[in-house]
Amino acid sequence: MKQSRTVSRRSFLTAAAAGSFTILSHAQKPAEYRFSQYHNQTPDSPTHLRLVEMWTAVRNETGGRVETQVFPQNNKNPGSDPAVLQLLVSGEIQFFTLMGGILGNVVPAANVQQVPFAFRSADHAHRTIDGPLGAYLREEMAAKGIVGFPVGAFDNGMRQVGGRTRPIRVPADLKGLKVRVPDGKMFDDMVRAFGAEPVTVNSSDIYAALKAGTVDSQENPLAYMDLFKHYEVMKYVSMTNHMWSGFNMLAHQGTWNRMPADIRTVIERQVTRSVRLQRQDQQAANDTSRKALAGHGLAFNDVDTAPFRAQLAGVYSSWKKTLGTKCWSLLEAETGRLA
């Protein structure tokens, strides 16, 4: 019987054994392949629900040959997103969803997904990531031992700025603020360009950081702020639409290559289906979250993005050099000239 390696961290195994995570239905006979799928969203998020549905479909379509445990964000998880990424690279977990700006720590070209003010909407980002730019990124992932998927970017939505001190209307309003960002240089560079201080905080700790005053603001999609009840520790949301946020479906390359072609075909087909459905779910969630957050007392303001883009000329120029001409050209083929 072929079987993948399990996660080595004791806390992760203990939590799984105790049923802290969603475990897919048991096969009537032992599965040939047992995998771990990790993501950083809550159990009631569109991402988690679609992943559970997806792996159930894979199990059924393969006649029980594949059984996968889906691990949502949990205080017993094996670490921060960068730490879990290393578990994927080593093969200790086999599947992971992760945003490009953090994946960029291992695959530098993936930072292109987080170029600020590049995408007009989530749909615009999807078309770009599903096209030639996405194909290029999969080549770069493969060079680092990671498998990407042709339609493999789950959606999180356009990112907005929420905070507890003041609304953001012009770039100067960010000056001096401590802004929570995920781990990733693109986020740091953007925030510093506006005169603010980036503070890296793991997603599960944003609420506590805002409550304690460790940070003044954060930037995330509306549904994320709503899902994690950030409205309890914020007063303002500024609709900057400054960056698209998504979660790349990733696989450990060694595990993927060892699977028979028929199983790989099933998984890839189910990933495509799941991603497309989740994008619709997430768009609906973000569309309704503004009303929900306003109902909790948050003050909203819309933003003219032109002054913000103008202040990022140096960031664009620097990242064009870092990402390389080919990567940047593939981006600008869809977005228009940025730098």
C-alpha atoms as a PDB file:
ATOM      1  CA  MET A   1       0.000   0.000   0.000  1.00  0.00           C
ATOM      2  CA  LYS A   2       1.307   3.427  -0.934  1.00  0.00           C
ATOM      3  CA  GLN A   3       0.950   6.121   1.663  1.00  0.00           C
ATOM      4  CA  SER A   4       2.246   9.669   1.988  1.00  0.00           C
ATOM      5  CA  ARG A   5       4.189  10.854   4.978  1.00  0.00           C
ATOM      6  CA  THR A   6       2.105  12.412   7.723  1.00  0.00           C
ATOM      7  CA  VAL A   7       2.755  15.756   9.435  1.00  0.00           C
ATOM      8  CA  SER A   8       5.556  15.327  11.945  1.00  0.00           C
ATOM      9  CA  ARG A   9       4.629  18.023  14.424  1.00  0.00           C
ATOM     10  CA  ARG A  10       3.140  16.417  17.512  1.00  0.00           C
ATOM     11  CA  SER A  11       0.513  19.085  18.115  1.00  0.00           C
ATOM     12  CA  PHE A  12      -0.807  18.777  14.579  1.00  0.00           C
ATOM     13  CA  LEU A  13      -1.128  15.014  14.821  1.00  0.00           C
ATOM     14  CA  THR A  14      -2.729  15.195  18.243  1.00  0.00           C
ATOM     15  CA  ALA A  15      -5.312  17.700  17.048  1.00  0.00           C
ATOM     16  CA  ALA A  16      -6.132  15.586  14.015  1.00  0.00           C
ATOM     17  CA  ALA A  17      -6.508  12.441  16.107  1.00  0.00           C
ATOM     18  CA  ALA A  18      -8.781  14.266  18.516  1.00  0.00           C
ATOM     19  CA  GLY A  19     -11.054  15.342  15.686  1.00  0.00           C
ATOM     20  CA  SER A  20     -10.240  19.058  15.922  1.00  0.00           C
ATOM     21  CA  PHE A  21     -10.215  19.261  12.147  1.00  0.00           C
ATOM     22  CA  THR A  22     -12.705  18.259   9.519  1.00  0.00           C
ATOM     23  CA  ILE A  23     -12.019  14.667   8.469  1.00  0.00           C
ATOM     24  CA  LEU A  24     -13.537  13.340   5.301  1.00  0.00           C
ATOM     25  CA  SER A  25     -15.751  10.295   5.351  1.00  0.00           C
ATOM     26  CA  HIS A  26     -13.903   7.052   6.015  1.00  0.00           C
ATOM     27  CA  ALA A  27     -13.410   4.578   3.243  1.00  0.00           C
ATOM     28  CA  GLN A  28     -14.837   1.121   3.784  1.00  0.00           C
ATOM     29  CA  LYS A  29     -11.421  -0.276   2.941  1.00  0.00           C
ATOM     30  CA  PRO A  30      -8.007   1.301   3.542  1.00  0.00           C
ATOM     31  CA  ALA A  31      -7.159   4.040   1.045  1.00  0.00           C
ATOM     32  CA  GLU A  32      -4.051   3.728  -1.096  1.00  0.00           C
ATOM     33  CA  TYR A  33      -3.204   7.379  -0.630  1.00  0.00           C
ATOM     34  CA  ARG A  34      -3.739   9.480   2.494  1.00  0.00           C
ATOM     35  CA  PHE A  35      -3.090  13.197   2.260  1.00  0.00           C
ATOM     36  CA  SER A  36      -3.229  16.317   4.426  1.00  0.00           C
ATOM     37  CA  GLN A  37      -4.739  19.513   3.032  1.00  0.00           C
ATOM     38  CA  TYR A  38      -4.067  22.676   5.043  1.00  0.00           C
ATOM     39  CA  HIS A  39      -5.501  26.186   4.625  1.00  0.00           C
ATOM     40  CA  ASN A  40      -5.672  29.287   6.808  1.00  0.00           C
ATOM     41  CA  GLN A  41      -9.421  30.001   6.715  1.00  0.00           C
ATOM     42  CA  THR A  42     -12.126  29.155   9.246  1.00  0.00           C
ATOM     43  CA  PRO A  43     -14.263  25.982   9.109  1.00  0.00           C
ATOM     44  CA  ASP A  44     -17.272  28.014   7.940  1.00  0.00           C
ATOM     45  CA  SER A  45     -15.408  29.828   5.143  1.00  0.00           C
ATOM     46  CA  PRO A  46     -16.147  29.215   1.440  1.00  0.00           C
ATOM     47  CA  THR A  47     -12.582  27.934   1.035  1.00  0.00           C
ATOM     48  CA  HIS A  48     -12.952  25.250   3.689  1.00  0.00           C
ATOM     49  CA  LEU A  49     -16.408  24.148   2.578  1.00  0.00           C
ATOM     50  CA  ARG A  50     -15.351  23.828  -1.052  1.00  0.00           C
ATOM     51  CA  LEU A  51     -12.137  21.974  -0.148  1.00  0.00           C
ATOM     52  CA  VAL A  52     -14.078  19.450   1.910  1.00  0.00           C
ATOM     53  CA  GLU A  53     -16.530  19.031  -0.963  1.00  0.00           C
ATOM     54  CA  MET A  54     -13.647  18.703  -3.426  1.00  0.00           C
ATOM     55  CA  TRP A  55     -11.770  15.990  -1.555  1.00  0.00           C
ATOM     56  CA  THR A  56     -15.001  14.098  -0.943  1.00  0.00           C
ATOM     57  CA  ALA A  57     -15.568  14.127  -4.707  1.00  0.00           C
ATOM     58  CA  VAL A  58     -12.000  12.933  -5.293  1.00  0.00           C
ATOM     59  CA  ARG A  59     -12.508  10.077  -2.845  1.00  0.00           C
ATOM     60  CA  ASN A  60     -15.763   9.055  -4.475  1.00  0.00           C
ATOM     61  CA  GLU A  61     -14.486   9.345  -8.033  1.00  0.00           C
ATOM     62  CA  THR A  62     -11.393   7.273  -7.262  1.00  0.00           C
ATOM     63  CA  GLY A  63     -13.427   4.580  -5.533  1.00  0.00           C
ATOM     64  CA  GLY A  64     -11.906   5.316  -2.123  1.00  0.00           C
ATOM     65  CA  ARG A  65      -8.285   5.173  -3.295  1.00  0.00           C
ATOM     66  CA  VAL A  66      -7.650   8.725  -2.000  1.00  0.00           C
ATOM     67  CA  GLU A  67      -8.615   9.983   1.450  1.00  0.00           C
ATOM     68  CA  THR A  68      -7.681  13.469   2.582  1.00  0.00           C
ATOM     69  CA  GLN A  69      -7.933  15.338   5.877  1.00  0.00           C
ATOM     70  CA  VAL A  70      -8.749  19.042   5.502  1.00  0.00           C
ATOM     71  CA  PHE A  71      -7.210  21.231   8.210  1.00  0.00           C
ATOM     72  CA  PRO A  72      -8.679  24.742   8.623  1.00  0.00           C
ATOM     73  CA  GLN A  73      -7.160  27.531  10.664  1.00  0.00           C
ATOM     74  CA  ASN A  74      -6.946  26.362  14.253  1.00  0.00           C
ATOM     75  CA  ASN A  75      -4.958  27.297  17.346  1.00  0.00           C
ATOM     76  CA  LYS A  76      -3.415  23.827  17.186  1.00  0.00           C
ATOM     77  CA  ASN A  77      -2.122  24.271  13.657  1.00  0.00           C
ATOM     78  CA  PRO A  78       1.542  23.525  12.922  1.00  0.00           C
ATOM     79  CA  GLY A  79       2.605  27.167  12.710  1.00  0.00           C
ATOM     80  CA  SER A  80       2.379  30.346  10.656  1.00  0.00           C
ATOM     81  CA  ASP A  81       1.770  30.309   6.917  1.00  0.00           C
ATOM     82  CA  PRO A  82       5.516  30.451   6.103  1.00  0.00           C
ATOM     83  CA  ALA A  83       6.107  27.526   8.496  1.00  0.00           C
ATOM     84  CA  VAL A  84       3.368  25.444   6.888  1.00  0.00           C
ATOM     85  CA  LEU A  85       4.790  26.289   3.462  1.00  0.00           C
ATOM     86  CA  GLN A  86       8.048  24.682   4.539  1.00  0.00           C
ATOM     87  CA  LEU A  87       6.110  21.570   5.582  1.00  0.00           C
ATOM     88  CA  LEU A  88       4.686  21.430   2.067  1.00  0.00           C
ATOM     89  CA  VAL A  89       8.101  21.837   0.454  1.00  0.00           C
ATOM     90  CA  SER A  90       9.484  19.016   2.609  1.00  0.00           C
ATOM     91  CA  GLY A  91       6.481  16.785   1.868  1.00  0.00           C
ATOM     92  CA  GLU A  92       5.294  16.560   5.490  1.00  0.00           C
ATOM     93  CA  ILE A  93       1.952  17.841   4.243  1.00  0.00           C
ATOM     94  CA  GLN A  94       0.847  17.293   0.678  1.00  0.00           C
ATOM     95  CA  PHE A  95      -1.603  20.110  -0.186  1.00  0.00           C
ATOM     96  CA  PHE A  96      -1.808  23.730   0.933  1.00  0.00           C
ATOM     97  CA  THR A  97      -3.557  26.939  -0.171  1.00  0.00           C
ATOM     98  CA  LEU A  98      -1.526  30.124   0.144  1.00  0.00           C
ATOM     99  CA  MET A  99      -1.487  33.686  -1.138  1.00  0.00           C
ATOM    100  CA  GLY A 100       1.198  34.719  -3.604  1.00  0.00           C
ATOM    101  CA  GLY A 101       2.861  37.278  -1.353  1.00  0.00           C
ATOM    102  CA  ILE A 102       3.765  34.576   1.187  1.00  0.00           C
ATOM    103  CA  LEU A 103       4.486  31.923  -1.422  1.00  0.00           C
ATOM    104  CA  GLY A 104       6.942  34.515  -2.716  1.00  0.00           C
ATOM    105  CA  ASN A 105       9.249  33.645   0.180  1.00  0.00           C
ATOM    106  CA  VAL A 106      10.020  30.399  -1.675  1.00  0.00           C
ATOM    107  CA  VAL A 107       8.914  31.238  -5.230  1.00  0.00           C
ATOM    108  CA  PRO A 108       9.855  34.932  -5.722  1.00  0.00           C
ATOM    109  CA  ALA A 109       7.850  35.323  -8.937  1.00  0.00           C
ATOM    110  CA  ALA A 110       4.620  34.586  -7.008  1.00  0.00           C
ATOM    111  CA  ASN A 111       4.879  38.087  -5.518  1.00  0.00           C
ATOM    112  CA  VAL A 112       3.477  39.346  -8.811  1.00  0.00           C
ATOM    113  CA  GLN A 113      -0.003  38.350  -7.625  1.00  0.00           C
ATOM    114  CA  GLN A 114       0.238  41.012  -4.914  1.00  0.00           C
ATOM    115  CA  VAL A 115       1.385  43.993  -6.985  1.00  0.00           C
ATOM    116  CA  PRO A 116      -0.653  46.865  -5.491  1.00  0.00           C
ATOM    117  CA  PHE A 117      -3.341  48.534  -7.603  1.00  0.00           C
ATOM    118  CA  ALA A 118      -2.598  46.183 -10.511  1.00  0.00           C
ATOM    119  CA  PHE A 119      -6.005  44.492 -10.734  1.00  0.00           C
ATOM    120  CA  ARG A 120      -9.265  46.362 -11.148  1.00  0.00           C
ATOM    121  CA  SER A 121     -11.366  43.586  -9.624  1.00  0.00           C
ATOM    122  CA  ALA A 122     -11.255  39.972  -8.482  1.00  0.00           C
ATOM    123  CA  ASP A 123     -12.527  38.853 -11.909  1.00  0.00           C
ATOM    124  CA  HIS A 124      -9.687  40.766 -13.556  1.00  0.00           C
ATOM    125  CA  ALA A 125      -7.201  38.988 -11.284  1.00  0.00           C
ATOM    126  CA  HIS A 126      -8.740  35.582 -12.061  1.00  0.00           C
ATOM    127  CA  ARG A 127      -8.406  36.108 -15.817  1.00  0.00           C
ATOM    128  CA  THR A 128      -4.780  37.100 -15.373  1.00  0.00           C
ATOM    129  CA  ILE A 129      -3.808  34.260 -13.024  1.00  0.00           C
ATOM    130  CA  ASP A 130      -5.624  31.673 -15.178  1.00  0.00           C
ATOM    131  CA  GLY A 131      -3.764  32.862 -18.282  1.00  0.00           C
ATOM    132  CA  PRO A 132      -0.142  33.067 -19.482  1.00  0.00           C
ATOM    133  CA  LEU A 133       1.059  34.671 -16.252  1.00  0.00           C
ATOM    134  CA  GLY A 134      -0.294  31.710 -14.276  1.00  0.00           C
ATOM    135  CA  ALA A 135       1.449  29.255 -16.609  1.00  0.00           C
ATOM    136  CA  TYR A 136       4.712  31.082 -16.015  1.00  0.00           C
ATOM    137  CA  LEU A 137       4.213  30.969 -12.257  1.00  0.00           C
ATOM    138  CA  ARG A 138       3.611  27.212 -12.357  1.00  0.00           C
ATOM    139  CA  GLU A 139       6.976  26.793 -14.055  1.00  0.00           C
ATOM    140  CA  GLU A 140       8.608  28.819 -11.294  1.00  0.00           C
ATOM    141  CA  MET A 141       6.820  26.755  -8.621  1.00  0.00           C
ATOM    142  CA  ALA A 142       7.967  23.506 -10.208  1.00  0.00           C
ATOM    143  CA  ALA A 143      11.570  24.667  -9.951  1.00  0.00           C
ATOM    144  CA  LYS A 144      11.061  24.842  -6.168  1.00  0.00           C
ATOM    145  CA  GLY A 145       9.356  21.459  -5.806  1.00  0.00           C
ATOM    146  CA  ILE A 146       5.787  22.781  -5.766  1.00  0.00           C
ATOM    147  CA  VAL A 147       2.926  21.936  -8.115  1.00  0.00           C
ATOM    148  CA  GLY A 148       0.397  24.588  -9.107  1.00  0.00           C
ATOM    149  CA  PHE A 149      -2.851  24.073 -11.031  1.00  0.00           C
ATOM    150  CA  PRO A 150      -4.068  25.642 -14.311  1.00  0.00           C
ATOM    151  CA  VAL A 151      -7.195  26.957 -12.569  1.00  0.00           C
ATOM    152  CA  GLY A 152      -5.874  26.884  -9.042  1.00  0.00           C
ATOM    153  CA  ALA A 153      -6.313  30.256  -7.356  1.00  0.00           C
ATOM    154  CA  PHE A 154      -9.129  30.324  -4.811  1.00  0.00           C
ATOM    155  CA  ASP A 155     -10.440  33.823  -4.204  1.00  0.00           C
ATOM    156  CA  ASN A 156     -10.226  36.012  -1.133  1.00  0.00           C
ATOM    157  CA  GLY A 157     -11.207  39.257  -2.818  1.00  0.00           C
ATOM    158  CA  MET A 158      -9.940  42.795  -3.118  1.00  0.00           C
ATOM    159  CA  ARG A 159      -8.195  44.077  -0.012  1.00  0.00           C
ATOM    160  CA  GLN A 160      -9.376  47.157   1.897  1.00  0.00           C
ATOM    161  CA  VAL A 161      -7.909  49.116   4.820  1.00  0.00           C
ATOM    162  CA  GLY A 162      -9.657  48.817   8.174  1.00  0.00           C
ATOM    163  CA  GLY A 163      -8.552  50.527  11.349  1.00  0.00           C
ATOM    164  CA  ARG A 164      -9.299  51.906  14.766  1.00  0.00           C
ATOM    165  CA  THR A 165      -7.858  55.444  14.582  1.00  0.00           C
ATOM    166  CA  ARG A 166      -8.961  57.273  11.415  1.00  0.00           C
ATOM    167  CA  PRO A 167     -10.319  56.712   7.894  1.00  0.00           C
ATOM    168  CA  ILE A 168      -7.903  56.583   4.952  1.00  0.00           C
ATOM    169  CA  ARG A 169      -8.892  59.016   2.197  1.00  0.00           C
ATOM    170  CA  VAL A 170      -5.521  60.079   0.762  1.00  0.00           C
ATOM    171  CA  PRO A 171      -2.033  58.531   1.050  1.00  0.00           C
ATOM    172  CA  ALA A 172      -1.049  61.014   3.770  1.00  0.00           C
ATOM    173  CA  ASP A 173      -3.678  59.510   6.071  1.00  0.00           C
ATOM    174  CA  LEU A 174      -1.523  56.386   6.354  1.00  0.00           C
ATOM    175  CA  LYS A 175       1.560  58.268   7.499  1.00  0.00           C
ATOM    176  CA  GLY A 176       2.731  57.156  10.935  1.00  0.00           C
ATOM    177  CA  LEU A 177       0.240  54.320  11.295  1.00  0.00           C
ATOM    178  CA  LYS A 178       1.249  50.804  12.302  1.00  0.00           C
ATOM    179  CA  VAL A 179      -0.386  48.612   9.663  1.00  0.00           C
ATOM    180  CA  ARG A 180      -0.730  44.869  10.050  1.00  0.00           C
ATOM    181  CA  VAL A 181       0.484  43.005   6.974  1.00  0.00           C
ATOM    182  CA  PRO A 182       1.057  39.329   6.145  1.00  0.00           C
ATOM    183  CA  ASP A 183       4.616  38.102   5.869  1.00  0.00           C
ATOM    184  CA  GLY A 184       5.900  39.319   2.501  1.00  0.00           C
ATOM    185  CA  LYS A 185       8.148  42.053   1.117  1.00  0.00           C
ATOM    186  CA  MET A 186       5.560  43.372  -1.346  1.00  0.00           C
ATOM    187  CA  PHE A 187       3.269  44.295   1.545  1.00  0.00           C
ATOM    188  CA  ASP A 188       6.120  45.940   3.429  1.00  0.00           C
ATOM    189  CA  ASP A 189       7.205  47.989   0.427  1.00  0.00           C
ATOM    190  CA  MET A 190       3.681  49.219  -0.273  1.00  0.00           C
ATOM    191  CA  VAL A 191       3.006  50.285   3.317  1.00  0.00           C
ATOM    192  CA  ARG A 192       6.388  52.026   3.677  1.00  0.00           C
ATOM    193  CA  ALA A 193       5.788  53.937   0.435  1.00  0.00           C
ATOM    194  CA  PHE A 194       2.847  55.623   2.176  1.00  0.00           C
ATOM    195  CA  GLY A 195       4.892  56.508   5.255  1.00  0.00           C
ATOM    196  CA  ALA A 196       3.360  53.829   7.475  1.00  0.00           C
ATOM    197  CA  GLU A 197       5.045  51.085   9.484  1.00  0.00           C
ATOM    198  CA  PRO A 198       4.330  47.486   8.412  1.00  0.00           C
ATOM    199  CA  VAL A 199       3.863  45.042  11.287  1.00  0.00           C
ATOM    200  CA  THR A 200       3.813  41.345  10.414  1.00  0.00           C
ATOM    201  CA  VAL A 201       1.084  39.524  12.338  1.00  0.00           C
ATOM    202  CA  ASN A 202      -0.250  36.065  11.539  1.00  0.00           C
ATOM    203  CA  SER A 203      -3.858  36.095  10.343  1.00  0.00           C
ATOM    204  CA  SER A 204      -5.164  34.360  13.472  1.00  0.00           C
ATOM    205  CA  ASP A 205      -3.736  37.139  15.669  1.00  0.00           C
ATOM    206  CA  ILE A 206      -5.087  40.235  13.885  1.00  0.00           C
ATOM    207  CA  TYR A 207      -8.020  40.679  16.269  1.00  0.00           C
ATOM    208  CA  ALA A 208      -5.754  40.596  19.326  1.00  0.00           C
ATOM    209  CA  ALA A 209      -3.240  42.982  17.731  1.00  0.00           C
ATOM    210  CA  LEU A 210      -5.943  45.557  16.959  1.00  0.00           C
ATOM    211  CA  LYS A 211      -7.483  45.198  20.401  1.00  0.00           C
ATOM    212  CA  ALA A 212      -4.148  45.652  22.145  1.00  0.00           C
ATOM    213  CA  GLY A 213      -3.105  48.562  19.940  1.00  0.00           C
ATOM    214  CA  THR A 214      -0.096  46.680  18.596  1.00  0.00           C
ATOM    215  CA  VAL A 215      -1.349  47.805  15.204  1.00  0.00           C
ATOM    216  CA  ASP A 216      -3.558  50.733  14.203  1.00  0.00           C
ATOM    217  CA  SER A 217      -4.851  49.297  10.946  1.00  0.00           C
ATOM    218  CA  GLN A 218      -4.977  46.187   8.841  1.00  0.00           C
ATOM    219  CA  GLU A 219      -5.685  45.438   5.181  1.00  0.00           C
ATOM    220  CA  ASN A 220      -7.902  42.518   4.189  1.00  0.00           C
ATOM    221  CA  PRO A 221     -10.997  41.685   2.128  1.00  0.00           C
ATOM    222  CA  LEU A 222     -14.304  42.657   3.727  1.00  0.00           C
ATOM    223  CA  ALA A 223     -15.519  39.094   4.191  1.00  0.00           C
ATOM    224  CA  TYR A 224     -12.372  38.306   6.156  1.00  0.00           C
ATOM    225  CA  MET A 225     -12.936  41.250   8.508  1.00  0.00           C
ATOM    226  CA  ASP A 226     -16.517  40.139   8.993  1.00  0.00           C
ATOM    227  CA  LEU A 227     -15.731  36.445   9.430  1.00  0.00           C
ATOM    228  CA  PHE A 228     -13.171  37.095  12.165  1.00  0.00           C
ATOM    229  CA  LYS A 229     -15.301  39.758  13.902  1.00  0.00           C
ATOM    230  CA  HIS A 230     -12.747  42.509  13.412  1.00  0.00           C
ATOM    231  CA  TYR A 231     -15.640  44.974  13.596  1.00  0.00           C
ATOM    232  CA  GLU A 232     -15.392  44.598  17.368  1.00  0.00           C
ATOM    233  CA  VAL A 233     -11.940  46.235  17.368  1.00  0.00           C
ATOM    234  CA  MET A 234     -12.188  48.640  14.404  1.00  0.00           C
ATOM    235  CA  LYS A 235     -14.073  51.850  13.643  1.00  0.00           C
ATOM    236  CA  TYR A 236     -13.324  52.543   9.980  1.00  0.00           C
ATOM    237  CA  VAL A 237     -13.078  50.771   6.627  1.00  0.00           C
ATOM    238  CA  SER A 238     -11.625  52.545   3.610  1.00  0.00           C
ATOM    239  CA  MET A 239     -12.411  51.004   0.233  1.00  0.00           C
ATOM    240  CA  THR A 240      -8.963  51.217  -1.298  1.00  0.00           C
ATOM    241  CA  ASN A 241      -9.192  48.052  -3.427  1.00  0.00           C
ATOM    242  CA  HIS A 242      -5.422  48.231  -3.307  1.00  0.00           C
ATOM    243  CA  MET A 243      -4.617  44.582  -3.902  1.00  0.00           C
ATOM    244  CA  TRP A 244      -6.182  41.305  -4.959  1.00  0.00           C
ATOM    245  CA  SER A 245      -5.929  38.428  -2.507  1.00  0.00           C
ATOM    246  CA  GLY A 246      -6.232  34.765  -3.387  1.00  0.00           C
ATOM    247  CA  PHE A 247      -5.077  31.358  -2.246  1.00  0.00           C
ATOM    248  CA  ASN A 248      -3.030  29.251  -4.631  1.00  0.00           C
ATOM    249  CA  MET A 249      -3.812  25.545  -4.514  1.00  0.00           C
ATOM    250  CA  LEU A 250      -0.413  23.900  -4.073  1.00  0.00           C
ATOM    251  CA  ALA A 251       0.818  20.308  -3.992  1.00  0.00           C
ATOM    252  CA  HIS A 252       4.085  18.727  -2.933  1.00  0.00           C
ATOM    253  CA  GLN A 253       5.798  17.849  -6.194  1.00  0.00           C
ATOM    254  CA  GLY A 254       7.233  14.513  -5.097  1.00  0.00           C
ATOM    255  CA  THR A 255       3.853  13.307  -3.856  1.00  0.00           C
ATOM    256  CA  TRP A 256       2.163  14.510  -7.034  1.00  0.00           C
ATOM    257  CA  ASN A 257       4.667  12.802  -9.320  1.00  0.00           C
ATOM    258  CA  ARG A 258       4.297   9.477  -7.494  1.00  0.00           C
ATOM    259  CA  MET A 259       0.540   9.357  -8.040  1.00  0.00           C
ATOM    260  CA  PRO A 260      -0.871   7.498 -11.046  1.00  0.00           C
ATOM    261  CA  ALA A 261      -1.947   9.688 -13.955  1.00  0.00           C
ATOM    262  CA  ASP A 262      -5.630   8.800 -13.524  1.00  0.00           C
ATOM    263  CA  ILE A 263      -5.674  10.071  -9.940  1.00  0.00           C
ATOM    264  CA  ARG A 264      -3.832  13.255 -10.901  1.00  0.00           C
ATOM    265  CA  THR A 265      -6.435  13.855 -13.604  1.00  0.00           C
ATOM    266  CA  VAL A 266      -9.285  13.482 -11.120  1.00  0.00           C
ATOM    267  CA  ILE A 267      -7.680  15.843  -8.610  1.00  0.00           C
ATOM    268  CA  GLU A 268      -6.907  18.479 -11.233  1.00  0.00           C
ATOM    269  CA  ARG A 269     -10.454  18.369 -12.579  1.00  0.00           C
ATOM    270  CA  GLN A 270     -11.933  18.664  -9.099  1.00  0.00           C
ATOM    271  CA  VAL A 271      -9.586  21.528  -8.228  1.00  0.00           C
ATOM    272  CA  THR A 272     -10.787  23.449 -11.287  1.00  0.00           C
ATOM    273  CA  ARG A 273     -14.422  22.861 -10.360  1.00  0.00           C
ATOM    274  CA  SER A 274     -13.884  23.773  -6.713  1.00  0.00           C
ATOM    275  CA  VAL A 275     -11.952  26.951  -7.501  1.00  0.00           C
ATOM    276  CA  ARG A 276     -14.612  28.245  -9.866  1.00  0.00           C
ATOM    277  CA  LEU A 277     -17.409  27.584  -7.397  1.00  0.00           C
ATOM    278  CA  GLN A 278     -15.476  29.069  -4.468  1.00  0.00           C
ATOM    279  CA  ARG A 279     -14.816  32.247  -6.430  1.00  0.00           C
ATOM    280  CA  GLN A 280     -18.555  32.721  -6.803  1.00  0.00           C
ATOM    281  CA  ASP A 281     -19.070  32.014  -3.103  1.00  0.00           C
ATOM    282  CA  GLN A 282     -16.388  34.479  -2.058  1.00  0.00           C
ATOM    283  CA  GLN A 283     -17.645  37.233  -4.333  1.00  0.00           C
ATOM    284  CA  ALA A 284     -21.100  36.860  -2.804  1.00  0.00           C
ATOM    285  CA  ALA A 285     -19.590  36.969   0.695  1.00  0.00           C
ATOM    286  CA  ASN A 286     -17.632  40.148  -0.024  1.00  0.00           C
ATOM    287  CA  ASP A 287     -20.647  41.766  -1.669  1.00  0.00           C
ATOM    288  CA  THR A 288     -22.776  41.292   1.457  1.00  0.00           C
ATOM    289  CA  SER A 289     -20.051  42.036   4.011  1.00  0.00           C
ATOM    290  CA  ARG A 290     -20.035  45.811   3.531  1.00  0.00           C
ATOM    291  CA  LYS A 291     -23.663  45.998   4.644  1.00  0.00           C
ATOM    292  CA  ALA A 292     -22.989  43.587   7.504  1.00  0.00           C
ATOM    293  CA  LEU A 293     -19.958  45.528   8.732  1.00  0.00           C
ATOM    294  CA  ALA A 294     -21.775  48.846   8.448  1.00  0.00           C
ATOM    295  CA  GLY A 295     -24.548  47.285  10.506  1.00  0.00           C
ATOM    296  CA  HIS A 296     -21.985  46.675  13.234  1.00  0.00           C
ATOM    297  CA  GLY A 297     -21.218  50.399  13.278  1.00  0.00           C
ATOM    298  CA  LEU A 298     -18.161  50.664  11.045  1.00  0.00           C
ATOM    299  CA  ALA A 299     -17.852  53.896   9.028  1.00  0.00           C
ATOM    300  CA  PHE A 300     -17.087  53.356   5.323  1.00  0.00           C
ATOM    301  CA  ASN A 301     -15.506  55.674   2.785  1.00  0.00           C
ATOM    302  CA  ASP A 302     -14.649  55.165  -0.880  1.00  0.00           C
ATOM    303  CA  VAL A 303     -11.214  56.139  -2.180  1.00  0.00           C
ATOM    304  CA  ASP A 304      -9.787  57.721  -5.318  1.00  0.00           C
ATOM    305  CA  THR A 305      -6.942  55.311  -6.106  1.00  0.00           C
ATOM    306  CA  ALA A 306      -5.013  57.576  -8.504  1.00  0.00           C
ATOM    307  CA  PRO A 307      -2.982  59.415  -5.807  1.00  0.00           C
ATOM    308  CA  PHE A 308      -2.062  56.088  -4.214  1.00  0.00           C
ATOM    309  CA  ARG A 309      -0.841  54.598  -7.490  1.00  0.00           C
ATOM    310  CA  ALA A 310       1.169  57.731  -8.225  1.00  0.00           C
ATOM    311  CA  GLN A 311       3.029  57.340  -4.942  1.00  0.00           C
ATOM    312  CA  LEU A 312       4.037  53.778  -5.828  1.00  0.00           C
ATOM    313  CA  ALA A 313       6.172  54.580  -8.869  1.00  0.00           C
ATOM    314  CA  GLY A 314       9.336  53.632  -7.008  1.00  0.00           C
ATOM    315  CA  VAL A 315       7.795  50.377  -5.759  1.00  0.00           C
ATOM    316  CA  TYR A 316       6.754  49.409  -9.294  1.00  0.00           C
ATOM    317  CA  SER A 317      10.172  50.204 -10.699  1.00  0.00           C
ATOM    318  CA  SER A 318      11.946  48.185  -8.013  1.00  0.00           C
ATOM    319  CA  TRP A 319       9.677  45.155  -8.339  1.00  0.00           C
ATOM    320  CA  LYS A 320       9.899  45.180 -12.132  1.00  0.00           C
ATOM    321  CA  LYS A 321      13.624  44.591 -11.708  1.00  0.00           C
ATOM    322  CA  THR A 322      13.121  41.982  -8.983  1.00  0.00           C
ATOM    323  CA  LEU A 323      10.483  39.965 -10.849  1.00  0.00           C
ATOM    324  CA  GLY A 324      12.182  40.235 -14.206  1.00  0.00           C
ATOM    325  CA  THR A 325      11.121  41.502 -17.607  1.00  0.00           C
ATOM    326  CA  LYS A 326       9.186  38.376 -18.614  1.00  0.00           C
ATOM    327  CA  CYS A 327       7.081  38.211 -15.465  1.00  0.00           C
ATOM    328  CA  TRP A 328       6.360  41.945 -15.458  1.00  0.00           C
ATOM    329  CA  SER A 329       5.488  41.951 -19.145  1.00  0.00           C
ATOM    330  CA  LEU A 330       3.000  39.119 -18.642  1.00  0.00           C
ATOM    331  CA  LEU A 331       1.409  41.139 -15.832  1.00  0.00           C
ATOM    332  CA  GLU A 332       1.216  44.384 -17.812  1.00  0.00           C
ATOM    333  CA  ALA A 333      -0.241  42.534 -20.801  1.00  0.00           C
ATOM    334  CA  GLU A 334      -3.372  42.217 -18.655  1.00  0.00           C
ATOM    335  CA  THR A 335      -3.202  45.285 -16.419  1.00  0.00           C
ATOM    336  CA  GLY A 336      -1.736  47.945 -18.663  1.00  0.00           C
ATOM    337  CA  ARG A 337       1.453  49.847 -17.891  1.00  0.00           C
ATOM    338  CA  LEU A 338       2.281  50.146 -14.182  1.00  0.00           C
ATOM    339  CA  ALA A 339       5.869  51.382 -14.123  1.00  0.00           C
END
